Amino acid sequence: MAGILSLRPFEGRDYDRAREVLERAAQLTAFRDRVAALQKDWDGLIAAPVGDEDETARADRRNLGRLRRGLRTREEAYFKPILHTLVE
């Protein structure tokens, strides 16, 4: 957090500004904790199967063997969109 919040108020004995910096750090920490809790809740929702829907989907799947040459998207075609998404 030192990159986000300056430590100069502590060094210059500007206690009012230092208190503001500490309060901001507490707000950021609380926000991070809320995000982590939401992530945990989200993971729980995604992992939980919904009724018989999961079993039905498995029953409908079939192995049709390999795709003919040229029908499958090449792995290289995925690289650029994935990298763009990571950059964003």
PDB file of N, CA and C in Angstrom:
ATOM      1  N   MET A   1       0.808  -1.191   0.000  1.00  0.00           N
ATOM      2  CA  MET A   1       0.000   0.000   0.000  1.00  0.00           C
ATOM      3  C   MET A   1       0.851   1.255   0.000  1.00  0.00           C
ATOM      4  N   ALA A   2       2.131   1.114   0.248  1.00  0.00           N
ATOM      5  CA  ALA A   2       2.997   2.274   0.272  1.00  0.00           C
ATOM      6  C   ALA A   2       2.994   2.985  -1.078  1.00  0.00           C
ATOM      7  N   GLY A   3       2.741   2.235  -2.161  1.00  0.00           N
ATOM      8  CA  GLY A   3       2.679   2.843  -3.475  1.00  0.00           C
ATOM      9  C   GLY A   3       1.444   3.693  -3.663  1.00  0.00           C
ATOM     10  N   ILE A   4       0.375   3.332  -2.993  1.00  0.00           N
ATOM     11  CA  ILE A   4      -0.888   4.046  -3.135  1.00  0.00           C
ATOM     12  C   ILE A   4      -0.975   5.194  -2.137  1.00  0.00           C
ATOM     13  N   LEU A   5      -0.550   4.931  -0.923  1.00  0.00           N
ATOM     14  CA  LEU A   5      -0.660   5.918   0.139  1.00  0.00           C
ATOM     15  C   LEU A   5       0.730   6.407   0.504  1.00  0.00           C
ATOM     16  N   SER A   6       0.896   7.695   0.540  1.00  0.00           N
ATOM     17  CA  SER A   6       2.198   8.275   0.843  1.00  0.00           C
ATOM     18  C   SER A   6       2.479   8.192   2.332  1.00  0.00           C
ATOM     19  N   LEU A   7       3.721   7.948   2.684  1.00  0.00           N
ATOM     20  CA  LEU A   7       4.133   7.895   4.077  1.00  0.00           C
ATOM     21  C   LEU A   7       4.681   9.246   4.547  1.00  0.00           C
ATOM     22  N   ARG A   8       4.697  10.247   3.686  1.00  0.00           N
ATOM     23  CA  ARG A   8       5.235  11.564   4.043  1.00  0.00           C
ATOM     24  C   ARG A   8       4.555  12.197   5.254  1.00  0.00           C
ATOM     25  N   PRO A   9       3.220  12.058   5.409  1.00  0.00           N
ATOM     26  CA  PRO A   9       2.602  12.662   6.598  1.00  0.00           C
ATOM     27  C   PRO A   9       3.189  12.106   7.896  1.00  0.00           C
ATOM     28  N   PHE A  10       3.595  10.850   7.900  1.00  0.00           N
ATOM     29  CA  PHE A  10       4.169  10.261   9.101  1.00  0.00           C
ATOM     30  C   PHE A  10       5.563  10.840   9.354  1.00  0.00           C
ATOM     31  N   GLU A  11       6.304  11.001   8.281  1.00  0.00           N
ATOM     32  CA  GLU A  11       7.669  11.508   8.404  1.00  0.00           C
ATOM     33  C   GLU A  11       7.683  12.985   8.791  1.00  0.00           C
ATOM     34  N   GLY A  12       6.729  13.753   8.283  1.00  0.00           N
ATOM     35  CA  GLY A  12       6.675  15.182   8.558  1.00  0.00           C
ATOM     36  C   GLY A  12       5.881  15.531   9.798  1.00  0.00           C
ATOM     37  N   ARG A  13       5.433  14.550  10.513  1.00  0.00           N
ATOM     38  CA  ARG A  13       4.643  14.732  11.747  1.00  0.00           C
ATOM     39  C   ARG A  13       3.351  15.518  11.495  1.00  0.00           C
ATOM     40  N   ASP A  14       2.759  15.319  10.327  1.00  0.00           N
ATOM     41  CA  ASP A  14       1.468  15.907   9.993  1.00  0.00           C
ATOM     42  C   ASP A  14       0.420  14.883  10.418  1.00  0.00           C
ATOM     43  N   TYR A  15       0.053  14.947  11.684  1.00  0.00           N
ATOM     44  CA  TYR A  15      -0.772  13.890  12.271  1.00  0.00           C
ATOM     45  C   TYR A  15      -2.196  13.849  11.712  1.00  0.00           C
ATOM     46  N   ASP A  16      -2.739  14.996  11.359  1.00  0.00           N
ATOM     47  CA  ASP A  16      -4.087  14.986  10.765  1.00  0.00           C
ATOM     48  C   ASP A  16      -4.069  14.262   9.425  1.00  0.00           C
ATOM     49  N   ARG A  17      -3.085  14.580   8.608  1.00  0.00           N
ATOM     50  CA  ARG A  17      -2.959  13.914   7.298  1.00  0.00           C
ATOM     51  C   ARG A  17      -2.617  12.440   7.494  1.00  0.00           C
ATOM     52  N   ALA A  18      -1.780  12.142   8.487  1.00  0.00           N
ATOM     53  CA  ALA A  18      -1.424  10.745   8.766  1.00  0.00           C
ATOM     54  C   ALA A  18      -2.665   9.954   9.158  1.00  0.00           C
ATOM     55  N   ARG A  19      -3.536  10.568   9.943  1.00  0.00           N
ATOM     56  CA  ARG A  19      -4.786   9.907  10.350  1.00  0.00           C
ATOM     57  C   ARG A  19      -5.661   9.634   9.121  1.00  0.00           C
ATOM     58  N   GLU A  20      -5.716  10.611   8.189  1.00  0.00           N
ATOM     59  CA  GLU A  20      -6.482  10.419   6.954  1.00  0.00           C
ATOM     60  C   GLU A  20      -5.915   9.255   6.140  1.00  0.00           C
ATOM     61  N   VAL A  21      -4.594   9.169   6.085  1.00  0.00           N
ATOM     62  CA  VAL A  21      -3.951   8.083   5.344  1.00  0.00           C
ATOM     63  C   VAL A  21      -4.288   6.744   5.987  1.00  0.00           C
ATOM     64  N   LEU A  22      -4.245   6.689   7.321  1.00  0.00           N
ATOM     65  CA  LEU A  22      -4.582   5.441   8.020  1.00  0.00           C
ATOM     66  C   LEU A  22      -6.046   5.057   7.797  1.00  0.00           C
ATOM     67  N   GLU A  23      -6.943   6.045   7.824  1.00  0.00           N
ATOM     68  CA  GLU A  23      -8.358   5.764   7.580  1.00  0.00           C
ATOM     69  C   GLU A  23      -8.565   5.236   6.158  1.00  0.00           C
ATOM     70  N   ARG A  24      -7.860   5.833   5.202  1.00  0.00           N
ATOM     71  CA  ARG A  24      -7.970   5.371   3.804  1.00  0.00           C
ATOM     72  C   ARG A  24      -7.451   3.946   3.670  1.00  0.00           C
ATOM     73  N   ALA A  25      -6.351   3.654   4.361  1.00  0.00           N
ATOM     74  CA  ALA A  25      -5.804   2.292   4.340  1.00  0.00           C
ATOM     75  C   ALA A  25      -6.807   1.308   4.938  1.00  0.00           C
ATOM     76  N   ALA A  26      -7.485   1.719   6.004  1.00  0.00           N
ATOM     77  CA  ALA A  26      -8.499   0.848   6.621  1.00  0.00           C
ATOM     78  C   ALA A  26      -9.669   0.623   5.663  1.00  0.00           C
ATOM     79  N   GLN A  27     -10.071   1.676   4.941  1.00  0.00           N
ATOM     80  CA  GLN A  27     -11.159   1.533   3.962  1.00  0.00           C
ATOM     81  C   GLN A  27     -10.760   0.566   2.851  1.00  0.00           C
ATOM     82  N   LEU A  28      -9.539   0.703   2.361  1.00  0.00           N
ATOM     83  CA  LEU A  28      -9.071  -0.184   1.296  1.00  0.00           C
ATOM     84  C   LEU A  28      -8.989  -1.627   1.774  1.00  0.00           C
ATOM     85  N   THR A  29      -8.533  -1.827   2.998  1.00  0.00           N
ATOM     86  CA  THR A  29      -8.440  -3.170   3.552  1.00  0.00           C
ATOM     87  C   THR A  29      -9.834  -3.785   3.706  1.00  0.00           C
ATOM     88  N   ALA A  30     -10.785  -2.991   4.197  1.00  0.00           N
ATOM     89  CA  ALA A  30     -12.159  -3.493   4.350  1.00  0.00           C
ATOM     90  C   ALA A  30     -12.755  -3.835   2.987  1.00  0.00           C
ATOM     91  N   PHE A  31     -12.500  -3.002   1.998  1.00  0.00           N
ATOM     92  CA  PHE A  31     -13.006  -3.263   0.651  1.00  0.00           C
ATOM     93  C   PHE A  31     -12.409  -4.553   0.100  1.00  0.00           C
ATOM     94  N   ARG A  32     -11.097  -4.733   0.269  1.00  0.00           N
ATOM     95  CA  ARG A  32     -10.440  -5.951  -0.192  1.00  0.00           C
ATOM     96  C   ARG A  32     -11.058  -7.184   0.480  1.00  0.00           C
ATOM     97  N   ASP A  33     -11.342  -7.080   1.776  1.00  0.00           N
ATOM     98  CA  ASP A  33     -11.950  -8.200   2.491  1.00  0.00           C
ATOM     99  C   ASP A  33     -13.351  -8.508   1.967  1.00  0.00           C
ATOM    100  N   ARG A  34     -14.132  -7.458   1.648  1.00  0.00           N
ATOM    101  CA  ARG A  34     -15.472  -7.676   1.082  1.00  0.00           C
ATOM    102  C   ARG A  34     -15.385  -8.357  -0.286  1.00  0.00           C
ATOM    103  N   VAL A  35     -14.422  -7.919  -1.094  1.00  0.00           N
ATOM    104  CA  VAL A  35     -14.233  -8.532  -2.415  1.00  0.00           C
ATOM    105  C   VAL A  35     -13.858 -10.003  -2.257  1.00  0.00           C
ATOM    106  N   ALA A  36     -12.970 -10.309  -1.318  1.00  0.00           N
ATOM    107  CA  ALA A  36     -12.575 -11.703  -1.085  1.00  0.00           C
ATOM    108  C   ALA A  36     -13.773 -12.540  -0.643  1.00  0.00           C
ATOM    109  N   ALA A  37     -14.621 -11.977   0.218  1.00  0.00           N
ATOM    110  CA  ALA A  37     -15.815 -12.703   0.667  1.00  0.00           C
ATOM    111  C   ALA A  37     -16.781 -12.930  -0.497  1.00  0.00           C
ATOM    112  N   LEU A  38     -16.963 -11.918  -1.349  1.00  0.00           N
ATOM    113  CA  LEU A  38     -17.827 -12.082  -2.515  1.00  0.00           C
ATOM    114  C   LEU A  38     -17.271 -13.136  -3.471  1.00  0.00           C
ATOM    115  N   GLN A  39     -15.956 -13.157  -3.635  1.00  0.00           N
ATOM    116  CA  GLN A  39     -15.328 -14.160  -4.494  1.00  0.00           C
ATOM    117  C   GLN A  39     -15.600 -15.562  -3.952  1.00  0.00           C
ATOM    118  N   LYS A  40     -15.505 -15.707  -2.649  1.00  0.00           N
ATOM    119  CA  LYS A  40     -15.771 -17.011  -2.019  1.00  0.00           C
ATOM    120  C   LYS A  40     -17.234 -17.410  -2.244  1.00  0.00           C
ATOM    121  N   ASP A  41     -18.153 -16.459  -2.071  1.00  0.00           N
ATOM    122  CA  ASP A  41     -19.570 -16.733  -2.319  1.00  0.00           C
ATOM    123  C   ASP A  41     -19.799 -17.120  -3.781  1.00  0.00           C
ATOM    124  N   TRP A  42     -19.182 -16.393  -4.693  1.00  0.00           N
ATOM    125  CA  TRP A  42     -19.316 -16.662  -6.123  1.00  0.00           C
ATOM    126  C   TRP A  42     -18.826 -18.069  -6.446  1.00  0.00           C
ATOM    127  N   ASP A  43     -17.654 -18.417  -5.929  1.00  0.00           N
ATOM    128  CA  ASP A  43     -17.107 -19.749  -6.178  1.00  0.00           C
ATOM    129  C   ASP A  43     -18.054 -20.831  -5.680  1.00  0.00           C
ATOM    130  N   GLY A  44     -18.697 -20.577  -4.532  1.00  0.00           N
ATOM    131  CA  GLY A  44     -19.665 -21.534  -3.996  1.00  0.00           C
ATOM    132  C   GLY A  44     -20.888 -21.671  -4.882  1.00  0.00           C
ATOM    133  N   LEU A  45     -21.336 -20.567  -5.453  1.00  0.00           N
ATOM    134  CA  LEU A  45     -22.502 -20.620  -6.334  1.00  0.00           C
ATOM    135  C   LEU A  45     -22.183 -21.352  -7.632  1.00  0.00           C
ATOM    136  N   ILE A  46     -21.020 -21.114  -8.165  1.00  0.00           N
ATOM    137  CA  ILE A  46     -20.632 -21.732  -9.431  1.00  0.00           C
ATOM    138  C   ILE A  46     -20.423 -23.232  -9.257  1.00  0.00           C
ATOM    139  N   ALA A  47     -19.843 -23.627  -8.136  1.00  0.00           N
ATOM    140  CA  ALA A  47     -19.511 -25.029  -7.916  1.00  0.00           C
ATOM    141  C   ALA A  47     -20.740 -25.883  -7.593  1.00  0.00           C
ATOM    142  N   ALA A  48     -21.797 -25.265  -7.058  1.00  0.00           N
ATOM    143  CA  ALA A  48     -22.966 -26.026  -6.626  1.00  0.00           C
ATOM    144  C   ALA A  48     -23.812 -26.451  -7.825  1.00  0.00           C
ATOM    145  N   PRO A  49     -24.080 -27.762  -7.963  1.00  0.00           N
ATOM    146  CA  PRO A  49     -24.957 -28.208  -9.049  1.00  0.00           C
ATOM    147  C   PRO A  49     -26.399 -27.774  -8.789  1.00  0.00           C
ATOM    148  N   VAL A  50     -27.144 -27.570  -9.847  1.00  0.00           N
ATOM    149  CA  VAL A  50     -28.534 -27.137  -9.734  1.00  0.00           C
ATOM    150  C   VAL A  50     -29.436 -28.301 -10.120  1.00  0.00           C
ATOM    151  N   GLY A  51     -30.087 -28.904  -9.148  1.00  0.00           N
ATOM    152  CA  GLY A  51     -31.030 -29.989  -9.390  1.00  0.00           C
ATOM    153  C   GLY A  51     -30.464 -31.108 -10.249  1.00  0.00           C
ATOM    154  N   ASP A  52     -31.305 -31.652 -11.150  1.00  0.00           N
ATOM    155  CA  ASP A  52     -30.909 -32.738 -12.041  1.00  0.00           C
ATOM    156  C   ASP A  52     -30.300 -32.213 -13.335  1.00  0.00           C
ATOM    157  N   GLU A  53     -30.195 -30.921 -13.460  1.00  0.00           N
ATOM    158  CA  GLU A  53     -29.705 -30.310 -14.682  1.00  0.00           C
ATOM    159  C   GLU A  53     -28.304 -30.813 -15.042  1.00  0.00           C
ATOM    160  N   ASP A  54     -27.465 -30.983 -14.029  1.00  0.00           N
ATOM    161  CA  ASP A  54     -26.087 -31.412 -14.266  1.00  0.00           C
ATOM    162  C   ASP A  54     -26.062 -32.840 -14.835  1.00  0.00           C
ATOM    163  N   GLU A  55     -26.884 -33.715 -14.288  1.00  0.00           N
ATOM    164  CA  GLU A  55     -26.916 -35.105 -14.765  1.00  0.00           C
ATOM    165  C   GLU A  55     -27.508 -35.192 -16.172  1.00  0.00           C
ATOM    166  N   THR A  56     -28.504 -34.372 -16.468  1.00  0.00           N
ATOM    167  CA  THR A  56     -29.108 -34.364 -17.798  1.00  0.00           C
ATOM    168  C   THR A  56     -28.097 -33.916 -18.836  1.00  0.00           C
ATOM    169  N   ALA A  57     -27.335 -32.895 -18.504  1.00  0.00           N
ATOM    170  CA  ALA A  57     -26.335 -32.402 -19.441  1.00  0.00           C
ATOM    171  C   ALA A  57     -25.307 -33.484 -19.737  1.00  0.00           C
ATOM    172  N   ARG A  58     -24.915 -34.235 -18.722  1.00  0.00           N
ATOM    173  CA  ARG A  58     -23.955 -35.316 -18.949  1.00  0.00           C
ATOM    174  C   ARG A  58     -24.555 -36.419 -19.813  1.00  0.00           C
ATOM    175  N   ALA A  59     -25.824 -36.705 -19.638  1.00  0.00           N
ATOM    176  CA  ALA A  59     -26.466 -37.771 -20.404  1.00  0.00           C
ATOM    177  C   ALA A  59     -26.575 -37.387 -21.889  1.00  0.00           C
ATOM    178  N   ASP A  60     -26.713 -36.084 -22.165  1.00  0.00           N
ATOM    179  CA  ASP A  60     -26.848 -35.631 -23.545  1.00  0.00           C
ATOM    180  C   ASP A  60     -25.521 -35.585 -24.295  1.00  0.00           C
ATOM    181  N   ARG A  61     -24.421 -35.565 -23.593  1.00  0.00           N
ATOM    182  CA  ARG A  61     -23.118 -35.491 -24.255  1.00  0.00           C
ATOM    183  C   ARG A  61     -22.767 -36.819 -24.898  1.00  0.00           C
ATOM    184  N   ARG A  62     -22.152 -36.726 -26.040  1.00  0.00           N
ATOM    185  CA  ARG A  62     -21.696 -37.934 -26.720  1.00  0.00           C
ATOM    186  C   ARG A  62     -20.302 -37.672 -27.262  1.00  0.00           C
ATOM    187  N   ASN A  63     -19.531 -38.701 -27.349  1.00  0.00           N
ATOM    188  CA  ASN A  63     -18.225 -38.584 -27.958  1.00  0.00           C
ATOM    189  C   ASN A  63     -18.395 -38.860 -29.443  1.00  0.00           C
ATOM    190  N   LEU A  64     -18.207 -37.842 -30.243  1.00  0.00           N
ATOM    191  CA  LEU A  64     -18.381 -37.992 -31.679  1.00  0.00           C
ATOM    192  C   LEU A  64     -17.044 -38.209 -32.386  1.00  0.00           C
ATOM    193  N   GLY A  65     -16.005 -38.417 -31.616  1.00  0.00           N
ATOM    194  CA  GLY A  65     -14.696 -38.647 -32.213  1.00  0.00           C
ATOM    195  C   GLY A  65     -14.011 -37.339 -32.562  1.00  0.00           C
ATOM    196  N   ARG A  66     -12.990 -37.435 -33.359  1.00  0.00           N
ATOM    197  CA  ARG A  66     -12.224 -36.257 -33.743  1.00  0.00           C
ATOM    198  C   ARG A  66     -12.935 -35.467 -34.831  1.00  0.00           C
ATOM    199  N   LEU A  67     -12.729 -34.158 -34.799  1.00  0.00           N
ATOM    200  CA  LEU A  67     -13.259 -33.307 -35.860  1.00  0.00           C
ATOM    201  C   LEU A  67     -12.415 -33.458 -37.115  1.00  0.00           C
ATOM    202  N   ARG A  68     -13.045 -33.241 -38.234  1.00  0.00           N
ATOM    203  CA  ARG A  68     -12.291 -33.280 -39.483  1.00  0.00           C
ATOM    204  C   ARG A  68     -11.301 -32.140 -39.529  1.00  0.00           C
ATOM    205  N   ARG A  69     -10.275 -32.303 -40.293  1.00  0.00           N
ATOM    206  CA  ARG A  69      -9.224 -31.298 -40.430  1.00  0.00           C
ATOM    207  C   ARG A  69      -9.835 -29.970 -40.907  1.00  0.00           C
ATOM    208  N   GLY A  70      -9.473 -28.887 -40.225  1.00  0.00           N
ATOM    209  CA  GLY A  70      -9.938 -27.561 -40.589  1.00  0.00           C
ATOM    210  C   GLY A  70     -11.189 -27.112 -39.846  1.00  0.00           C
ATOM    211  N   LEU A  71     -11.884 -28.007 -39.148  1.00  0.00           N
ATOM    212  CA  LEU A  71     -13.104 -27.620 -38.430  1.00  0.00           C
ATOM    213  C   LEU A  71     -12.816 -27.093 -37.032  1.00  0.00           C
ATOM    214  N   ARG A  72     -11.731 -27.550 -36.431  1.00  0.00           N
ATOM    215  CA  ARG A  72     -11.390 -27.121 -35.085  1.00  0.00           C
ATOM    216  C   ARG A  72     -10.600 -25.816 -35.145  1.00  0.00           C
ATOM    217  N   THR A  73     -10.898 -24.899 -34.216  1.00  0.00           N
ATOM    218  CA  THR A  73     -10.160 -23.641 -34.145  1.00  0.00           C
ATOM    219  C   THR A  73      -8.748 -23.914 -33.648  1.00  0.00           C
ATOM    220  N   ARG A  74      -7.774 -23.363 -34.359  1.00  0.00           N
ATOM    221  CA  ARG A  74      -6.381 -23.560 -33.964  1.00  0.00           C
ATOM    222  C   ARG A  74      -6.114 -22.863 -32.633  1.00  0.00           C
ATOM    223  N   GLU A  75      -5.241 -23.444 -31.832  1.00  0.00           N
ATOM    224  CA  GLU A  75      -4.915 -22.855 -30.532  1.00  0.00           C
ATOM    225  C   GLU A  75      -4.351 -21.449 -30.682  1.00  0.00           C
ATOM    226  N   GLU A  76      -3.578 -21.201 -31.724  1.00  0.00           N
ATOM    227  CA  GLU A  76      -2.971 -19.895 -31.920  1.00  0.00           C
ATOM    228  C   GLU A  76      -4.028 -18.795 -32.045  1.00  0.00           C
ATOM    229  N   ALA A  77      -5.209 -19.150 -32.514  1.00  0.00           N
ATOM    230  CA  ALA A  77      -6.276 -18.165 -32.682  1.00  0.00           C
ATOM    231  C   ALA A  77      -6.774 -17.642 -31.335  1.00  0.00           C
ATOM    232  N   TYR A  78      -6.520 -18.376 -30.270  1.00  0.00           N
ATOM    233  CA  TYR A  78      -6.967 -17.962 -28.942  1.00  0.00           C
ATOM    234  C   TYR A  78      -5.958 -17.044 -28.256  1.00  0.00           C
ATOM    235  N   PHE A  79      -4.700 -17.078 -28.645  1.00  0.00           N
ATOM    236  CA  PHE A  79      -3.648 -16.346 -27.950  1.00  0.00           C
ATOM    237  C   PHE A  79      -3.926 -14.847 -27.888  1.00  0.00           C
ATOM    238  N   LYS A  80      -4.180 -14.230 -29.029  1.00  0.00           N
ATOM    239  CA  LYS A  80      -4.353 -12.783 -29.081  1.00  0.00           C
ATOM    240  C   LYS A  80      -5.545 -12.299 -28.257  1.00  0.00           C
ATOM    241  N   PRO A  81      -6.746 -12.906 -28.395  1.00  0.00           N
ATOM    242  CA  PRO A  81      -7.881 -12.439 -27.573  1.00  0.00           C
ATOM    243  C   PRO A  81      -7.631 -12.624 -26.068  1.00  0.00           C
ATOM    244  N   ILE A  82      -6.976 -13.705 -25.706  1.00  0.00           N
ATOM    245  CA  ILE A  82      -6.701 -13.928 -24.287  1.00  0.00           C
ATOM    246  C   ILE A  82      -5.723 -12.873 -23.782  1.00  0.00           C
ATOM    247  N   LEU A  83      -4.684 -12.592 -24.549  1.00  0.00           N
ATOM    248  CA  LEU A  83      -3.717 -11.571 -24.133  1.00  0.00           C
ATOM    249  C   LEU A  83      -4.355 -10.193 -24.043  1.00  0.00           C
ATOM    250  N   HIS A  84      -5.237  -9.863 -24.987  1.00  0.00           N
ATOM    251  CA  HIS A  84      -5.932  -8.576 -24.936  1.00  0.00           C
ATOM    252  C   HIS A  84      -6.793  -8.483 -23.668  1.00  0.00           C
ATOM    253  N   THR A  85      -7.470  -9.563 -23.334  1.00  0.00           N
ATOM    254  CA  THR A  85      -8.304  -9.586 -22.136  1.00  0.00           C
ATOM    255  C   THR A  85      -7.461  -9.415 -20.896  1.00  0.00           C
ATOM    256  N   LEU A  86      -6.316 -10.076 -20.839  1.00  0.00           N
ATOM    257  CA  LEU A  86      -5.443  -9.937 -19.670  1.00  0.00           C
ATOM    258  C   LEU A  86      -4.900  -8.523 -19.538  1.00  0.00           C
ATOM    259  N   VAL A  87      -4.603  -7.893 -20.655  1.00  0.00           N
ATOM    260  CA  VAL A  87      -4.087  -6.530 -20.607  1.00  0.00           C
ATOM    261  C   VAL A  87      -5.163  -5.573 -20.073  1.00  0.00           C
ATOM    262  N   GLU A  88      -6.405  -5.771 -20.526  1.00  0.00           N
ATOM    263  CA  GLU A  88      -7.508  -4.910 -20.059  1.00  0.00           C
ATOM    264  C   GLU A  88      -7.711  -5.076 -18.578  1.00  0.00           C
TER     265      GLU A  88
END
